[in-house]
């Protein structure tokens, strides 16, 4: 089992619900952030790395979206900006 971690250079959330951060990793899979609102629907948003690519998941009310960005690998040990 590989031991890895992500160092967040900065994170910023403002009243417009903007979330920005930078990260670098050599892990091909992992969670970068996860947030859930405890209501009757359990709304959720998460971001992570799946097989080397950025992946975002959103659940709001009865809808669910799963988005993978296949153009750029992010498990290369370089800094990447999200937001």
PDB file of N, CA and C in Angstrom:
ATOM      1  N   UNK A   1       0.846  -1.171   0.000  1.00  0.00           N
ATOM      2  CA  UNK A   1       0.000   0.000   0.000  1.00  0.00           C
ATOM      3  C   UNK A   1       0.892   1.234   0.000  1.00  0.00           C
ATOM      4  N   UNK A   2       0.618   2.140  -0.922  1.00  0.00           N
ATOM      5  CA  UNK A   2       1.418   3.353  -1.042  1.00  0.00           C
ATOM      6  C   UNK A   2       1.012   4.372   0.015  1.00  0.00           C
ATOM      7  N   UNK A   3       1.994   5.102   0.494  1.00  0.00           N
ATOM      8  CA  UNK A   3       1.739   6.165   1.455  1.00  0.00           C
ATOM      9  C   UNK A   3       1.867   7.488   0.709  1.00  0.00           C
ATOM     10  N   UNK A   4       0.791   8.237   0.631  1.00  0.00           N
ATOM     11  CA  UNK A   4       0.843   9.508  -0.074  1.00  0.00           C
ATOM     12  C   UNK A   4       0.019  10.540   0.664  1.00  0.00           C
ATOM     13  N   UNK A   5       0.242  11.779   0.328  1.00  0.00           N
ATOM     14  CA  UNK A   5      -0.533  12.860   0.922  1.00  0.00           C
ATOM     15  C   UNK A   5      -0.600  14.003  -0.076  1.00  0.00           C
ATOM     16  N   UNK A   6      -1.531  14.878   0.154  1.00  0.00           N
ATOM     17  CA  UNK A   6      -1.698  16.049  -0.690  1.00  0.00           C
ATOM     18  C   UNK A   6      -1.496  17.277   0.174  1.00  0.00           C
ATOM     19  N   UNK A   7      -0.654  18.171  -0.269  1.00  0.00           N
ATOM     20  CA  UNK A   7      -0.420  19.423   0.420  1.00  0.00           C
ATOM     21  C   UNK A   7      -1.229  20.493  -0.283  1.00  0.00           C
ATOM     22  N   UNK A   8      -2.165  21.104   0.411  1.00  0.00           N
ATOM     23  CA  UNK A   8      -2.973  22.158  -0.185  1.00  0.00           C
ATOM     24  C   UNK A   8      -2.269  23.484   0.039  1.00  0.00           C
ATOM     25  N   UNK A   9      -1.893  24.122  -1.065  1.00  0.00           N
ATOM     26  CA  UNK A   9      -1.206  25.406  -0.994  1.00  0.00           C
ATOM     27  C   UNK A   9      -2.147  26.490  -0.494  1.00  0.00           C
ATOM     28  N   UNK A  10      -3.344  26.517  -1.024  1.00  0.00           N
ATOM     29  CA  UNK A  10      -4.344  27.440  -0.508  1.00  0.00           C
ATOM     30  C   UNK A  10      -5.731  26.917  -0.854  1.00  0.00           C
ATOM     31  N   UNK A  11      -6.692  27.267  -0.079  1.00  0.00           N
ATOM     32  CA  UNK A  11      -8.093  26.959  -0.364  1.00  0.00           C
ATOM     33  C   UNK A  11      -8.891  28.213  -0.063  1.00  0.00           C
ATOM     34  N   UNK A  12      -9.842  28.519  -0.902  1.00  0.00           N
ATOM     35  CA  UNK A  12     -10.608  29.745  -0.740  1.00  0.00           C
ATOM     36  C   UNK A  12     -12.066  29.468  -1.088  1.00  0.00           C
ATOM     37  N   UNK A  13     -12.951  29.752  -0.168  1.00  0.00           N
ATOM     38  CA  UNK A  13     -14.377  29.627  -0.409  1.00  0.00           C
ATOM     39  C   UNK A  13     -14.997  30.980  -0.116  1.00  0.00           C
ATOM     40  N   UNK A  14     -15.718  31.528  -1.072  1.00  0.00           N
ATOM     41  CA  UNK A  14     -16.342  32.826  -0.865  1.00  0.00           C
ATOM     42  C   UNK A  14     -17.860  32.676  -0.907  1.00  0.00           C
ATOM     43  N   UNK A  15     -18.552  33.794  -0.775  1.00  0.00           N
ATOM     44  CA  UNK A  15     -20.004  33.753  -0.712  1.00  0.00           C
ATOM     45  C   UNK A  15     -20.632  33.275  -2.019  1.00  0.00           C
ATOM     46  N   UNK A  16     -19.902  33.254  -3.102  1.00  0.00           N
ATOM     47  CA  UNK A  16     -20.421  32.763  -4.378  1.00  0.00           C
ATOM     48  C   UNK A  16     -20.193  31.260  -4.530  1.00  0.00           C
ATOM     49  N   UNK A  17     -19.770  30.615  -3.496  1.00  0.00           N
ATOM     50  CA  UNK A  17     -19.515  29.170  -3.501  1.00  0.00           C
ATOM     51  C   UNK A  17     -18.386  28.785  -4.447  1.00  0.00           C
ATOM     52  N   UNK A  18     -17.347  29.593  -4.468  1.00  0.00           N
ATOM     53  CA  UNK A  18     -16.164  29.302  -5.258  1.00  0.00           C
ATOM     54  C   UNK A  18     -15.168  28.558  -4.386  1.00  0.00           C
ATOM     55  N   UNK A  19     -14.594  27.516  -4.920  1.00  0.00           N
ATOM     56  CA  UNK A  19     -13.640  26.694  -4.191  1.00  0.00           C
ATOM     57  C   UNK A  19     -12.421  26.533  -5.080  1.00  0.00           C
ATOM     58  N   UNK A  20     -11.280  27.056  -4.631  1.00  0.00           N
ATOM     59  CA  UNK A  20     -10.057  27.015  -5.417  1.00  0.00           C
ATOM     60  C   UNK A  20      -8.940  26.396  -4.581  1.00  0.00           C
ATOM     61  N   UNK A  21      -8.114  25.588  -5.224  1.00  0.00           N
ATOM     62  CA  UNK A  21      -6.943  25.062  -4.528  1.00  0.00           C
ATOM     63  C   UNK A  21      -5.937  24.540  -5.543  1.00  0.00           C
ATOM     64  N   UNK A  22      -4.735  24.302  -5.072  1.00  0.00           N
ATOM     65  CA  UNK A  22      -3.670  23.704  -5.876  1.00  0.00           C
ATOM     66  C   UNK A  22      -3.216  22.435  -5.183  1.00  0.00           C
ATOM     67  N   UNK A  23      -2.775  21.468  -5.975  1.00  0.00           N
ATOM     68  CA  UNK A  23      -2.294  20.214  -5.392  1.00  0.00           C
ATOM     69  C   UNK A  23      -1.263  19.586  -6.325  1.00  0.00           C
ATOM     70  N   UNK A  24      -0.475  18.689  -5.761  1.00  0.00           N
ATOM     71  CA  UNK A  24       0.391  17.847  -6.581  1.00  0.00           C
ATOM     72  C   UNK A  24       0.435  16.470  -5.934  1.00  0.00           C
ATOM     73  N   UNK A  25       0.486  15.452  -6.771  1.00  0.00           N
ATOM     74  CA  UNK A  25       0.484  14.079  -6.280  1.00  0.00           C
ATOM     75  C   UNK A  25       1.024  13.147  -7.353  1.00  0.00           C
ATOM     76  N   UNK A  26       1.447  11.988  -6.933  1.00  0.00           N
ATOM     77  CA  UNK A  26       1.808  10.922  -7.866  1.00  0.00           C
ATOM     78  C   UNK A  26       0.844   9.742  -7.718  1.00  0.00           C
ATOM     79  N   UNK A  27      -0.172   9.896  -6.883  1.00  0.00           N
ATOM     80  CA  UNK A  27      -1.188   8.855  -6.705  1.00  0.00           C
ATOM     81  C   UNK A  27      -2.184   8.896  -7.855  1.00  0.00           C
ATOM     82  N   UNK A  28      -2.557   7.729  -8.352  1.00  0.00           N
ATOM     83  CA  UNK A  28      -3.505   7.642  -9.458  1.00  0.00           C
ATOM     84  C   UNK A  28      -4.956   7.640  -9.006  1.00  0.00           C
ATOM     85  N   UNK A  29      -5.199   7.419  -7.720  1.00  0.00           N
ATOM     86  CA  UNK A  29      -6.550   7.381  -7.183  1.00  0.00           C
ATOM     87  C   UNK A  29      -6.560   8.002  -5.797  1.00  0.00           C
ATOM     88  N   UNK A  30      -7.599   8.760  -5.499  1.00  0.00           N
ATOM     89  CA  UNK A  30      -7.713   9.346  -4.163  1.00  0.00           C
ATOM     90  C   UNK A  30      -8.741  10.460  -4.129  1.00  0.00           C
ATOM     91  N   UNK A  31      -9.140  10.834  -2.918  1.00  0.00           N
ATOM     92  CA  UNK A  31     -10.105  11.905  -2.708  1.00  0.00           C
ATOM     93  C   UNK A  31      -9.369  13.192  -2.373  1.00  0.00           C
ATOM     94  N   UNK A  32      -9.723  14.275  -3.055  1.00  0.00           N
ATOM     95  CA  UNK A  32      -9.138  15.582  -2.770  1.00  0.00           C
ATOM     96  C   UNK A  32     -10.023  16.376  -1.819  1.00  0.00           C
ATOM     97  N   UNK A  33     -11.334  16.302  -2.010  1.00  0.00           N
ATOM     98  CA  UNK A  33     -12.259  16.950  -1.083  1.00  0.00           C
ATOM     99  C   UNK A  33     -13.607  16.243  -1.135  1.00  0.00           C
ATOM    100  N   UNK A  34     -14.345  16.370  -0.054  1.00  0.00           N
ATOM    101  CA  UNK A  34     -15.669  15.760   0.069  1.00  0.00           C
ATOM    102  C   UNK A  34     -16.484  16.616   1.023  1.00  0.00           C
ATOM    103  N   UNK A  35     -17.682  16.996   0.602  1.00  0.00           N
ATOM    104  CA  UNK A  35     -18.555  17.792   1.461  1.00  0.00           C
ATOM    105  C   UNK A  35     -19.981  17.278   1.315  1.00  0.00           C
ATOM    106  N   UNK A  36     -20.676  17.188   2.435  1.00  0.00           N
ATOM    107  CA  UNK A  36     -22.054  16.706   2.412  1.00  0.00           C
ATOM    108  C   UNK A  36     -22.908  17.595   3.294  1.00  0.00           C
ATOM    109  N   UNK A  37     -24.122  17.826   2.867  1.00  0.00           N
ATOM    110  CA  UNK A  37     -25.077  18.582   3.672  1.00  0.00           C
ATOM    111  C   UNK A  37     -26.117  17.592   4.180  1.00  0.00           C
ATOM    112  N   UNK A  38     -26.210  17.505   5.480  1.00  0.00           N
ATOM    113  CA  UNK A  38     -27.149  16.570   6.101  1.00  0.00           C
ATOM    114  C   UNK A  38     -28.560  17.134   6.037  1.00  0.00           C
ATOM    115  N   UNK A  39     -29.266  16.788   4.980  1.00  0.00           N
ATOM    116  CA  UNK A  39     -30.673  17.128   4.858  1.00  0.00           C
ATOM    117  C   UNK A  39     -31.417  15.866   4.436  1.00  0.00           C
ATOM    118  N   UNK A  40     -32.644  15.989   4.034  1.00  0.00           N
ATOM    119  CA  UNK A  40     -33.404  14.789   3.683  1.00  0.00           C
ATOM    120  C   UNK A  40     -32.865  14.091   2.433  1.00  0.00           C
ATOM    121  N   UNK A  41     -32.104  14.808   1.614  1.00  0.00           N
ATOM    122  CA  UNK A  41     -31.559  14.230   0.377  1.00  0.00           C
ATOM    123  C   UNK A  41     -30.067  13.924   0.459  1.00  0.00           C
ATOM    124  N   UNK A  42     -29.375  14.400   1.488  1.00  0.00           N
ATOM    125  CA  UNK A  42     -27.926  14.214   1.636  1.00  0.00           C
ATOM    126  C   UNK A  42     -27.168  14.733   0.416  1.00  0.00           C
ATOM    127  N   UNK A  43     -27.335  16.031   0.119  1.00  0.00           N
ATOM    128  CA  UNK A  43     -26.609  16.667  -0.987  1.00  0.00           C
ATOM    129  C   UNK A  43     -25.109  16.505  -0.767  1.00  0.00           C
ATOM    130  N   UNK A  44     -24.347  16.301  -1.852  1.00  0.00           N
ATOM    131  CA  UNK A  44     -22.937  15.996  -1.726  1.00  0.00           C
ATOM    132  C   UNK A  44     -22.178  16.548  -2.924  1.00  0.00           C
ATOM    133  N   UNK A  45     -20.941  16.952  -2.683  1.00  0.00           N
ATOM    134  CA  UNK A  45     -20.011  17.310  -3.750  1.00  0.00           C
ATOM    135  C   UNK A  45     -18.640  16.750  -3.365  1.00  0.00           C
ATOM    136  N   UNK A  46     -17.944  16.194  -4.348  1.00  0.00           N
ATOM    137  CA  UNK A  46     -16.607  15.675  -4.070  1.00  0.00           C
ATOM    138  C   UNK A  46     -15.739  15.826  -5.305  1.00  0.00           C
ATOM    139  N   UNK A  47     -14.458  15.827  -5.071  1.00  0.00           N
ATOM    140  CA  UNK A  47     -13.480  15.886  -6.152  1.00  0.00           C
ATOM    141  C   UNK A  47     -12.341  14.954  -5.820  1.00  0.00           C
ATOM    142  N   UNK A  48     -11.826  14.320  -6.834  1.00  0.00           N
ATOM    143  CA  UNK A  48     -10.741  13.390  -6.584  1.00  0.00           C
ATOM    144  C   UNK A  48     -10.023  13.009  -7.856  1.00  0.00           C
ATOM    145  N   UNK A  49      -9.215  11.983  -7.734  1.00  0.00           N
ATOM    146  CA  UNK A  49      -8.437  11.474  -8.852  1.00  0.00           C
ATOM    147  C   UNK A  49      -8.848  10.029  -9.070  1.00  0.00           C
ATOM    148  N   UNK A  50      -9.214   9.721 -10.310  1.00  0.00           N
ATOM    149  CA  UNK A  50      -9.596   8.357 -10.673  1.00  0.00           C
ATOM    150  C   UNK A  50      -8.755   7.933 -11.872  1.00  0.00           C
ATOM    151  N   UNK A  51      -7.927   6.934 -11.678  1.00  0.00           N
ATOM    152  CA  UNK A  51      -7.027   6.429 -12.714  1.00  0.00           C
ATOM    153  C   UNK A  51      -6.185   7.542 -13.348  1.00  0.00           C
ATOM    154  N   UNK A  52      -5.782   8.528 -12.508  1.00  0.00           N
ATOM    155  CA  UNK A  52      -4.888   9.596 -12.941  1.00  0.00           C
ATOM    156  C   UNK A  52      -5.561  10.854 -13.438  1.00  0.00           C
ATOM    157  N   UNK A  53      -6.884  10.862 -13.516  1.00  0.00           N
ATOM    158  CA  UNK A  53      -7.627  12.005 -14.042  1.00  0.00           C
ATOM    159  C   UNK A  53      -8.523  12.616 -12.980  1.00  0.00           C
ATOM    160  N   UNK A  54      -8.765  13.931 -13.089  1.00  0.00           N
ATOM    161  CA  UNK A  54      -9.668  14.618 -12.157  1.00  0.00           C
ATOM    162  C   UNK A  54     -11.081  14.106 -12.352  1.00  0.00           C
ATOM    163  N   UNK A  55     -11.767  13.917 -11.226  1.00  0.00           N
ATOM    164  CA  UNK A  55     -13.154  13.468 -11.263  1.00  0.00           C
ATOM    165  C   UNK A  55     -13.953  14.254 -10.240  1.00  0.00           C
ATOM    166  N   UNK A  56     -15.113  14.750 -10.643  1.00  0.00           N
ATOM    167  CA  UNK A  56     -16.016  15.482  -9.753  1.00  0.00           C
ATOM    168  C   UNK A  56     -17.336  14.740  -9.680  1.00  0.00           C
ATOM    169  N   UNK A  57     -17.901  14.700  -8.475  1.00  0.00           N
ATOM    170  CA  UNK A  57     -19.204  14.066  -8.272  1.00  0.00           C
ATOM    171  C   UNK A  57     -20.100  15.044  -7.517  1.00  0.00           C
ATOM    172  N   UNK A  58     -21.330  15.159  -7.988  1.00  0.00           N
ATOM    173  CA  UNK A  58     -22.295  16.061  -7.360  1.00  0.00           C
ATOM    174  C   UNK A  58     -23.625  15.326  -7.223  1.00  0.00           C
ATOM    175  N   UNK A  59     -24.210  15.402  -6.026  1.00  0.00           N
ATOM    176  CA  UNK A  59     -25.551  14.880  -5.811  1.00  0.00           C
ATOM    177  C   UNK A  59     -26.375  16.002  -5.197  1.00  0.00           C
ATOM    178  N   UNK A  60     -27.450  16.371  -5.859  1.00  0.00           N
ATOM    179  CA  UNK A  60     -28.310  17.438  -5.394  1.00  0.00           C
ATOM    180  C   UNK A  60     -29.758  17.022  -5.606  1.00  0.00           C
ATOM    181  N   UNK A  61     -30.488  16.930  -4.516  1.00  0.00           N
ATOM    182  CA  UNK A  61     -31.870  16.450  -4.550  1.00  0.00           C
ATOM    183  C   UNK A  61     -31.884  15.061  -5.167  1.00  0.00           C
ATOM    184  N   UNK A  62     -32.576  14.874  -6.258  1.00  0.00           N
ATOM    185  CA  UNK A  62     -32.663  13.540  -6.868  1.00  0.00           C
ATOM    186  C   UNK A  62     -31.722  13.379  -8.055  1.00  0.00           C
ATOM    187  N   UNK A  63     -30.888  14.384  -8.340  1.00  0.00           N
ATOM    188  CA  UNK A  63     -29.979  14.327  -9.486  1.00  0.00           C
ATOM    189  C   UNK A  63     -28.566  13.971  -9.044  1.00  0.00           C
ATOM    190  N   UNK A  64     -27.837  13.343  -9.941  1.00  0.00           N
ATOM    191  CA  UNK A  64     -26.459  12.952  -9.660  1.00  0.00           C
ATOM    192  C   UNK A  64     -25.633  13.171 -10.922  1.00  0.00           C
ATOM    193  N   UNK A  65     -24.470  13.789 -10.789  1.00  0.00           N
ATOM    194  CA  UNK A  65     -23.571  14.003 -11.927  1.00  0.00           C
ATOM    195  C   UNK A  65     -22.188  13.490 -11.576  1.00  0.00           C
ATOM    196  N   UNK A  66     -21.561  12.847 -12.527  1.00  0.00           N
ATOM    197  CA  UNK A  66     -20.224  12.295 -12.375  1.00  0.00           C
ATOM    198  C   UNK A  66     -19.426  12.759 -13.585  1.00  0.00           C
ATOM    199  N   UNK A  67     -18.418  13.625 -13.372  1.00  0.00           N
ATOM    200  CA  UNK A  67     -17.667  14.224 -14.461  1.00  0.00           C
ATOM    201  C   UNK A  67     -16.190  13.888 -14.315  1.00  0.00           C
ATOM    202  N   UNK A  68     -15.610  13.307 -15.347  1.00  0.00           N
ATOM    203  CA  UNK A  68     -14.180  13.026 -15.381  1.00  0.00           C
ATOM    204  C   UNK A  68     -13.556  13.871 -16.481  1.00  0.00           C
ATOM    205  N   UNK A  69     -12.432  14.517 -16.187  1.00  0.00           N
ATOM    206  CA  UNK A  69     -11.710  15.339 -17.157  1.00  0.00           C
ATOM    207  C   UNK A  69     -10.608  14.467 -17.767  1.00  0.00           C
ATOM    208  N   UNK A  70     -10.832  13.906 -18.959  1.00  0.00           N
ATOM    209  CA  UNK A  70      -9.896  12.912 -19.501  1.00  0.00           C
ATOM    210  C   UNK A  70      -8.698  13.472 -20.258  1.00  0.00           C
ATOM    211  N   UNK A  71      -8.617  14.781 -20.446  1.00  0.00           N
ATOM    212  CA  UNK A  71      -7.557  15.330 -21.296  1.00  0.00           C
ATOM    213  C   UNK A  71      -6.207  15.439 -20.582  1.00  0.00           C
ATOM    214  N   UNK A  72      -6.223  15.730 -19.277  1.00  0.00           N
ATOM    215  CA  UNK A  72      -4.982  15.984 -18.559  1.00  0.00           C
ATOM    216  C   UNK A  72      -4.828  15.042 -17.373  1.00  0.00           C
ATOM    217  N   UNK A  73      -3.721  14.327 -17.318  1.00  0.00           N
ATOM    218  CA  UNK A  73      -3.420  13.504 -16.144  1.00  0.00           C
ATOM    219  C   UNK A  73      -2.930  14.424 -15.020  1.00  0.00           C
ATOM    220  N   UNK A  74      -3.289  14.104 -13.790  1.00  0.00           N
ATOM    221  CA  UNK A  74      -2.883  14.933 -12.652  1.00  0.00           C
ATOM    222  C   UNK A  74      -2.027  14.163 -11.651  1.00  0.00           C
ATOM    223  N   UNK A  75      -1.629  12.948 -11.977  1.00  0.00           N
ATOM    224  CA  UNK A  75      -0.802  12.137 -11.083  1.00  0.00           C
ATOM    225  C   UNK A  75       0.670  12.176 -11.474  1.00  0.00           C
ATOM    226  N   UNK A  76       1.118  13.325 -11.981  1.00  0.00           N
ATOM    227  CA  UNK A  76       2.470  13.461 -12.522  1.00  0.00           C
ATOM    228  C   UNK A  76       3.457  14.134 -11.576  1.00  0.00           C
ATOM    229  N   UNK A  77       3.035  14.452 -10.349  1.00  0.00           N
ATOM    230  CA  UNK A  77       3.927  15.101  -9.391  1.00  0.00           C
ATOM    231  C   UNK A  77       4.094  16.596  -9.617  1.00  0.00           C
ATOM    232  N   UNK A  78       3.349  17.155 -10.563  1.00  0.00           N
ATOM    233  CA  UNK A  78       3.390  18.591 -10.852  1.00  0.00           C
ATOM    234  C   UNK A  78       2.232  19.285 -10.148  1.00  0.00           C
ATOM    235  N   UNK A  79       2.341  20.609  -9.959  1.00  0.00           N
ATOM    236  CA  UNK A  79       1.260  21.388  -9.360  1.00  0.00           C
ATOM    237  C   UNK A  79       0.121  21.550 -10.364  1.00  0.00           C
ATOM    238  N   UNK A  80      -1.110  21.398  -9.872  1.00  0.00           N
ATOM    239  CA  UNK A  80      -2.318  21.582 -10.683  1.00  0.00           C
ATOM    240  C   UNK A  80      -3.270  22.499  -9.928  1.00  0.00           C
ATOM    241  N   UNK A  81      -3.932  23.398 -10.682  1.00  0.00           N
ATOM    242  CA  UNK A  81      -4.900  24.335 -10.090  1.00  0.00           C
ATOM    243  C   UNK A  81      -6.316  23.851 -10.379  1.00  0.00           C
ATOM    244  N   UNK A  82      -7.156  23.938  -9.363  1.00  0.00           N
ATOM    245  CA  UNK A  82      -8.583  23.624  -9.492  1.00  0.00           C
ATOM    246  C   UNK A  82      -9.347  24.865  -9.062  1.00  0.00           C
ATOM    247  N   UNK A  83     -10.284  25.282  -9.880  1.00  0.00           N
ATOM    248  CA  UNK A  83     -11.114  26.426  -9.517  1.00  0.00           C
ATOM    249  C   UNK A  83     -11.060  27.547 -10.483  1.00  0.00           C
TER     250      UNK A  83
END
